[in-house]
C-alpha atoms as a PDB file:
ATOM      1  CA  MET A   1      15.914 -21.008 -10.319  1.00  0.00           C
ATOM      2  CA  LEU A   2      15.169 -21.965  -6.746  1.00  0.00           C
ATOM      3  CA  ASN A   3      14.215 -25.591  -6.204  1.00  0.00           C
ATOM      4  CA  ILE A   4      11.350 -25.401  -3.698  1.00  0.00           C
ATOM      5  CA  LYS A   5      11.449 -29.153  -3.086  1.00  0.00           C
ATOM      6  CA  ARG A   6      14.903 -28.823  -1.510  1.00  0.00           C
ATOM      7  CA  LEU A   7      15.376 -25.538   0.354  1.00  0.00           C
ATOM      8  CA  PRO A   8      18.557 -24.276   2.002  1.00  0.00           C
ATOM      9  CA  ASN A   9      18.793 -25.270   5.699  1.00  0.00           C
ATOM     10  CA  GLN A  10      15.807 -27.568   5.285  1.00  0.00           C
ATOM     11  CA  LYS A  11      15.159 -30.008   8.123  1.00  0.00           C
ATOM     12  CA  GLU A  12      14.375 -33.661   7.439  1.00  0.00           C
ATOM     13  CA  PHE A  13      10.690 -33.376   8.376  1.00  0.00           C
ATOM     14  CA  GLU A  14      10.146 -29.947   6.807  1.00  0.00           C
ATOM     15  CA  LYS A  15       7.798 -29.935   3.810  1.00  0.00           C
ATOM     16  CA  THR A  16       7.007 -27.111   1.413  1.00  0.00           C
ATOM     17  CA  MET A  17       3.295 -26.413   1.760  1.00  0.00           C
ATOM     18  CA  PHE A  18       2.982 -23.787  -0.969  1.00  0.00           C
ATOM     19  CA  ALA A  19       4.907 -21.118  -2.833  1.00  0.00           C
ATOM     20  CA  LEU A  20       3.480 -17.749  -3.791  1.00  0.00           C
ATOM     21  CA  ARG A  21       4.171 -15.200  -6.486  1.00  0.00           C
ATOM     22  CA  ARG A  22       2.343 -12.028  -7.311  1.00  0.00           C
ATOM     23  CA  HIS A  23      -0.922 -12.365  -9.237  1.00  0.00           C
ATOM     24  CA  PHE A  24      -0.643 -12.733 -13.041  1.00  0.00           C
ATOM     25  CA  ILE A  25      -2.576  -9.490 -13.593  1.00  0.00           C
ATOM     26  CA  VAL A  26       0.271  -7.422 -12.095  1.00  0.00           C
ATOM     27  CA  PRO A  27       2.625  -7.732 -15.109  1.00  0.00           C
ATOM     28  CA  ILE A  28      -0.290  -7.011 -17.423  1.00  0.00           C
ATOM     29  CA  LYS A  29      -0.785  -3.701 -15.594  1.00  0.00           C
ATOM     30  CA  ILE A  30       2.975  -3.040 -15.911  1.00  0.00           C
ATOM     31  CA  ILE A  31       2.916  -3.775 -19.652  1.00  0.00           C
ATOM     32  CA  ILE A  32      -0.080  -1.492 -20.245  1.00  0.00           C
ATOM     33  CA  LEU A  33       1.545   1.351 -18.271  1.00  0.00           C
ATOM     34  CA  TYR A  34       4.824   1.134 -20.163  1.00  0.00           C
ATOM     35  CA  ALA A  35       3.073   0.710 -23.530  1.00  0.00           C
ATOM     36  CA  PHE A  36       1.304   4.001 -22.832  1.00  0.00           C
ATOM     37  CA  LEU A  37       4.603   5.650 -21.848  1.00  0.00           C
ATOM     38  CA  ALA A  38       6.266   4.270 -24.994  1.00  0.00           C
ATOM     39  CA  ALA A  39       3.470   5.750 -27.122  1.00  0.00           C
ATOM     40  CA  VAL A  40       4.099   9.292 -25.826  1.00  0.00           C
ATOM     41  CA  PRO A  41       6.927   9.972 -28.363  1.00  0.00           C
ATOM     42  CA  VAL A  42       4.634   8.922 -31.222  1.00  0.00           C
ATOM     43  CA  PHE A  43       2.076  11.528 -30.126  1.00  0.00           C
ATOM     44  CA  PHE A  44       4.898  14.052 -29.725  1.00  0.00           C
ATOM     45  CA  TYR A  45       6.068  13.308 -33.289  1.00  0.00           C
ATOM     46  CA  PHE A  46       2.627  13.896 -34.805  1.00  0.00           C
ATOM     47  CA  PHE A  47       2.091  17.011 -32.689  1.00  0.00           C
ATOM     48  CA  ALA A  48       5.483  18.429 -33.675  1.00  0.00           C
ATOM     49  CA  GLN A  49       4.948  17.595 -37.342  1.00  0.00           C
ATOM     50  CA  GLU A  50       1.613  19.439 -37.376  1.00  0.00           C
ATOM     51  CA  ASN A  51       2.599  22.509 -35.358  1.00  0.00           C
ATOM     52  CA  GLN A  52       6.379  22.818 -35.081  1.00  0.00           C
ATOM     53  CA  SER A  53       7.899  20.881 -37.995  1.00  0.00           C
ATOM     54  CA  GLU A  54      11.254  22.709 -37.660  1.00  0.00           C
ATOM     55  CA  ILE A  55      11.838  20.937 -34.313  1.00  0.00           C
ATOM     56  CA  LEU A  56      12.233  17.621 -36.122  1.00  0.00           C
ATOM     57  CA  THR A  57      14.085  18.861 -39.204  1.00  0.00           C
ATOM     58  CA  GLY A  58      16.226  21.703 -37.843  1.00  0.00           C
ATOM     59  CA  ARG A  59      20.011  21.578 -38.071  1.00  0.00           C
ATOM     60  CA  ILE A  60      20.464  21.464 -34.294  1.00  0.00           C
ATOM     61  CA  SER A  61      16.968  20.696 -33.013  1.00  0.00           C
ATOM     62  CA  GLY A  62      16.633  17.563 -35.204  1.00  0.00           C
ATOM     63  CA  PRO A  63      19.574  15.650 -33.698  1.00  0.00           C
ATOM     64  CA  VAL A  64      18.766  16.989 -30.204  1.00  0.00           C
ATOM     65  CA  SER A  65      15.175  15.720 -30.473  1.00  0.00           C
ATOM     66  CA  VAL A  66      16.416  12.318 -31.721  1.00  0.00           C
ATOM     67  CA  LEU A  67      18.869  12.173 -28.798  1.00  0.00           C
ATOM     68  CA  ALA A  68      16.156  13.136 -26.294  1.00  0.00           C
ATOM     69  CA  LEU A  69      13.745  10.534 -27.681  1.00  0.00           C
ATOM     70  CA  SER A  70      16.498   7.895 -27.588  1.00  0.00           C
ATOM     71  CA  ILE A  71      17.261   8.662 -23.939  1.00  0.00           C
ATOM     72  CA  TYR A  72      13.534   8.537 -23.163  1.00  0.00           C
ATOM     73  CA  ALA A  73      13.160   5.158 -24.927  1.00  0.00           C
ATOM     74  CA  LEU A  74      16.170   3.702 -23.088  1.00  0.00           C
ATOM     75  CA  ALA A  75      14.781   4.933 -19.761  1.00  0.00           C
ATOM     76  CA  ILE A  76      11.398   3.348 -20.534  1.00  0.00           C
ATOM     77  CA  TRP A  77      13.080  -0.008 -21.351  1.00  0.00           C
ATOM     78  CA  LEU A  78      15.208   0.140 -18.206  1.00  0.00           C
ATOM     79  CA  PHE A  79      12.273   0.855 -15.887  1.00  0.00           C
ATOM     80  CA  PHE A  80      10.088  -1.693 -17.709  1.00  0.00           C
ATOM     81  CA  PHE A  81      12.594  -4.527 -17.276  1.00  0.00           C
ATOM     82  CA  ASN A  82      13.294  -3.469 -13.698  1.00  0.00           C
ATOM     83  CA  SER A  83       9.558  -3.729 -12.956  1.00  0.00           C
ATOM     84  CA  LEU A  84       9.301  -7.152 -14.605  1.00  0.00           C
ATOM     85  CA  ILE A  85      12.381  -8.439 -12.748  1.00  0.00           C
ATOM     86  CA  ASP A  86      10.917  -7.177  -9.480  1.00  0.00           C
ATOM     87  CA  TYR A  87       7.650  -8.972 -10.289  1.00  0.00           C
ATOM     88  CA  TYR A  88       9.289 -12.236 -11.307  1.00  0.00           C
ATOM     89  CA  LEU A  89      11.855 -12.508  -8.499  1.00  0.00           C
ATOM     90  CA  ASP A  90       9.577 -11.647  -5.552  1.00  0.00           C
ATOM     91  CA  PHE A  91       8.724 -15.024  -4.069  1.00  0.00           C
ATOM     92  CA  TRP A  92       7.275 -16.380  -0.808  1.00  0.00           C
ATOM     93  CA  ILE A  93       7.605 -19.969   0.388  1.00  0.00           C
ATOM     94  CA  VAL A  94       5.564 -21.409   3.256  1.00  0.00           C
ATOM     95  CA  THR A  95       6.673 -24.693   4.805  1.00  0.00           C
ATOM     96  CA  ASN A  96       5.325 -26.530   7.819  1.00  0.00           C
ATOM     97  CA  GLU A  97       8.137 -24.916   9.896  1.00  0.00           C
ATOM     98  CA  ARG A  98       8.821 -21.429   8.490  1.00  0.00           C
ATOM     99  CA  ILE A  99       7.984 -18.691   6.026  1.00  0.00           C
ATOM    100  CA  ILE A 100      10.690 -17.583   3.587  1.00  0.00           C
ATOM    101  CA  ASN A 101      10.428 -14.116   2.062  1.00  0.00           C
ATOM    102  CA  ILE A 102      12.576 -13.562  -1.055  1.00  0.00           C
ATOM    103  CA  GLU A 103      12.282 -10.020  -2.315  1.00  0.00           C
ATOM    104  CA  GLN A 104      14.115  -8.316  -5.172  1.00  0.00           C
ATOM    105  CA  ARG A 105      14.970  -4.683  -4.436  1.00  0.00           C
ATOM    106  CA  GLY A 106      16.326  -3.117  -7.595  1.00  0.00           C
ATOM    107  CA  LEU A 107      18.519  -4.785 -10.193  1.00  0.00           C
ATOM    108  CA  PHE A 108      21.388  -5.811  -7.920  1.00  0.00           C
ATOM    109  CA  SER A 109      19.840  -6.123  -4.477  1.00  0.00           C
ATOM    110  CA  ARG A 110      17.916  -9.038  -3.023  1.00  0.00           C
ATOM    111  CA  SER A 111      16.583  -9.638   0.460  1.00  0.00           C
ATOM    112  CA  VAL A 112      15.956 -13.114   1.871  1.00  0.00           C
ATOM    113  CA  ALA A 113      14.386 -13.447   5.314  1.00  0.00           C
ATOM    114  CA  GLU A 114      12.756 -16.293   7.155  1.00  0.00           C
ATOM    115  CA  LEU A 115      10.351 -16.528  10.029  1.00  0.00           C
ATOM    116  CA  LYS A 116       9.555 -19.497  12.246  1.00  0.00           C
ATOM    117  CA  LEU A 117       5.844 -20.289  12.165  1.00  0.00           C
ATOM    118  CA  TYR A 118       5.437 -20.579  15.936  1.00  0.00           C
ATOM    119  CA  ARG A 119       6.545 -16.930  16.296  1.00  0.00           C
ATOM    120  CA  VAL A 120       3.692 -15.602  14.155  1.00  0.00           C
ATOM    121  CA  GLN A 121       1.267 -13.492  16.152  1.00  0.00           C
ATOM    122  CA  ASP A 122      -1.155 -12.245  13.523  1.00  0.00           C
ATOM    123  CA  VAL A 123      -1.963 -12.768   9.843  1.00  0.00           C
ATOM    124  CA  LYS A 124      -3.976 -10.112   8.039  1.00  0.00           C
ATOM    125  CA  ALA A 125      -5.289 -10.261   4.462  1.00  0.00           C
ATOM    126  CA  GLU A 126      -6.224  -7.047   2.721  1.00  0.00           C
ATOM    127  CA  VAL A 127      -7.896  -6.475  -0.644  1.00  0.00           C
ATOM    128  CA  ARG A 128      -8.146  -2.847  -1.730  1.00  0.00           C
ATOM    129  CA  GLY A 129      -9.676  -1.512  -4.918  1.00  0.00           C
ATOM    130  CA  VAL A 130     -11.927  -2.675  -7.697  1.00  0.00           C
ATOM    131  CA  MET A 131      -9.215  -4.487  -9.701  1.00  0.00           C
ATOM    132  CA  HIS A 132      -8.029  -6.326  -6.600  1.00  0.00           C
ATOM    133  CA  THR A 133     -11.571  -7.401  -5.746  1.00  0.00           C
ATOM    134  CA  VAL A 134     -12.508  -8.493  -9.266  1.00  0.00           C
ATOM    135  CA  PHE A 135      -9.322 -10.531  -9.785  1.00  0.00           C
ATOM    136  CA  ASP A 136      -9.149 -11.676  -6.119  1.00  0.00           C
ATOM    137  CA  TYR A 137      -5.654 -10.611  -5.153  1.00  0.00           C
ATOM    138  CA  GLY A 138      -4.252  -8.523  -2.336  1.00  0.00           C
ATOM    139  CA  ASP A 139      -1.649  -8.182   0.386  1.00  0.00           C
ATOM    140  CA  ILE A 140      -1.056 -10.484   3.332  1.00  0.00           C
ATOM    141  CA  THR A 141       0.728  -9.142   6.402  1.00  0.00           C
ATOM    142  CA  VAL A 142       2.292 -11.660   8.775  1.00  0.00           C
ATOM    143  CA  GLN A 143       3.192 -10.024  12.105  1.00  0.00           C
ATOM    144  CA  THR A 144       5.574 -11.260  14.730  1.00  0.00           C
ATOM    145  CA  ALA A 145       7.296  -9.943  17.831  1.00  0.00           C
ATOM    146  CA  GLY A 146      10.721 -10.840  16.438  1.00  0.00           C
ATOM    147  CA  GLU A 147      13.430  -8.732  14.880  1.00  0.00           C
ATOM    148  CA  GLU A 148      11.599  -8.535  11.548  1.00  0.00           C
ATOM    149  CA  ALA A 149       8.334  -6.915  12.687  1.00  0.00           C
ATOM    150  CA  HIS A 150       6.257  -8.172   9.770  1.00  0.00           C
ATOM    151  CA  PHE A 151       6.367  -9.791   6.350  1.00  0.00           C
ATOM    152  CA  VAL A 152       4.180  -8.496   3.543  1.00  0.00           C
ATOM    153  CA  PHE A 153       3.172 -10.799   0.720  1.00  0.00           C
ATOM    154  CA  LYS A 154       2.367  -8.242  -1.985  1.00  0.00           C
ATOM    155  CA  GLN A 155      -0.412  -8.731  -4.528  1.00  0.00           C
ATOM    156  CA  VAL A 156      -0.816 -12.494  -4.063  1.00  0.00           C
ATOM    157  CA  PRO A 157      -3.823 -14.407  -5.420  1.00  0.00           C
ATOM    158  CA  LYS A 158      -6.606 -15.491  -3.043  1.00  0.00           C
ATOM    159  CA  PRO A 159      -5.274 -13.617   0.007  1.00  0.00           C
ATOM    160  CA  TYR A 160      -8.045 -14.669   2.414  1.00  0.00           C
ATOM    161  CA  LYS A 161      -7.596 -18.363   1.621  1.00  0.00           C
ATOM    162  CA  VAL A 162      -3.792 -18.103   1.931  1.00  0.00           C
ATOM    163  CA  ALA A 163      -4.064 -16.230   5.244  1.00  0.00           C
ATOM    164  CA  ARG A 164      -6.369 -18.938   6.597  1.00  0.00           C
ATOM    165  CA  GLN A 165      -3.926 -21.660   5.485  1.00  0.00           C
ATOM    166  CA  ILE A 166      -1.028 -19.860   7.162  1.00  0.00           C
ATOM    167  CA  LEU A 167      -3.002 -19.539  10.401  1.00  0.00           C
ATOM    168  CA  GLU A 168      -3.796 -23.270  10.320  1.00  0.00           C
ATOM    169  CA  LEU A 169      -0.101 -24.072   9.816  1.00  0.00           C
ATOM    170  CA  VAL A 170       0.813 -21.726  12.687  1.00  0.00           C
ATOM    171  CA  GLU A 171      -1.603 -23.523  15.029  1.00  0.00           C
ATOM    172  CA  GLN A 172      -0.257 -26.928  14.026  1.00  0.00           C
ATOM    173  CA  ASP A 173       3.338 -25.776  14.526  1.00  0.00           C
ATOM    174  CA  ARG A 174       2.547 -24.260  17.934  1.00  0.00           C
ATOM    175  CA  GLU A 175       0.912 -27.503  19.096  1.00  0.00           C
ATOM    176  CA  LYS A 176       3.972 -29.442  17.977  1.00  0.00           C
ATOM    177  CA  HIS A 177       6.339 -27.053  19.780  1.00  0.00           C
ATOM    178  CA  LEU A 178       4.204 -27.182  22.934  1.00  0.00           C
ATOM    179  CA  GLU A 179       4.452 -30.971  22.970  1.00  0.00           C
ATOM    180  CA  GLU A 180       8.234 -30.752  22.474  1.00  0.00           C
ATOM    181  CA  MET A 181       8.506 -28.305  25.379  1.00  0.00           C
ATOM    182  CA  ARG A 182       6.322 -30.555  27.582  1.00  0.00           C
ATOM    183  CA  ASN A 183       8.497 -33.562  26.738  1.00  0.00           C
ATOM    184  CA  GLU A 184      11.664 -31.605  27.552  1.00  0.00           C
ATOM    185  CA  ILE A 185      10.224 -30.447  30.892  1.00  0.00           C
ATOM    186  CA  THR A 186       9.099 -33.958  31.880  1.00  0.00           C
ATOM    187  CA  ALA A 187      12.556 -35.321  30.930  1.00  0.00           C
ATOM    188  CA  ILE A 188      14.177 -32.940  33.415  1.00  0.00           C
END
């Protein structure tokens, strides 16, 4: 687990302001979706027993249907755990100096990127849909002119409040960097 009190490459005066994960309702939606998909074989069993009972008891079709249902169940488990791992390991950290974007992409791929706060040009919060509005979660897009065009904080709670906090931190960081630049110029 990542210790957010002591980050890699952390400067002495750098403080972690907040850390974000996706909203808690997201895994509930994942669980409901996969519970429905896991229930499909049960409906298939009752349908086949009523209409085509030889599919389940036939000499060849019985083992083939068991094999097909086993492959289906394994695929459901694989995609379910992949979705939960993606949910749990997507993480965003905002400090008074930078934004760190840690994103899981599949089972064996992870992307970690960071962005200096003074390079941020725009922060946009977006809430789309009834569920997002009711539970107050959405996406935040942080745009910059750098190599990484933008960061997207996906499905985070209270996106408007978080976007406002990021903008305040950006302004504070810019003021600090302006003073540093002024001091360097006057020293020359």
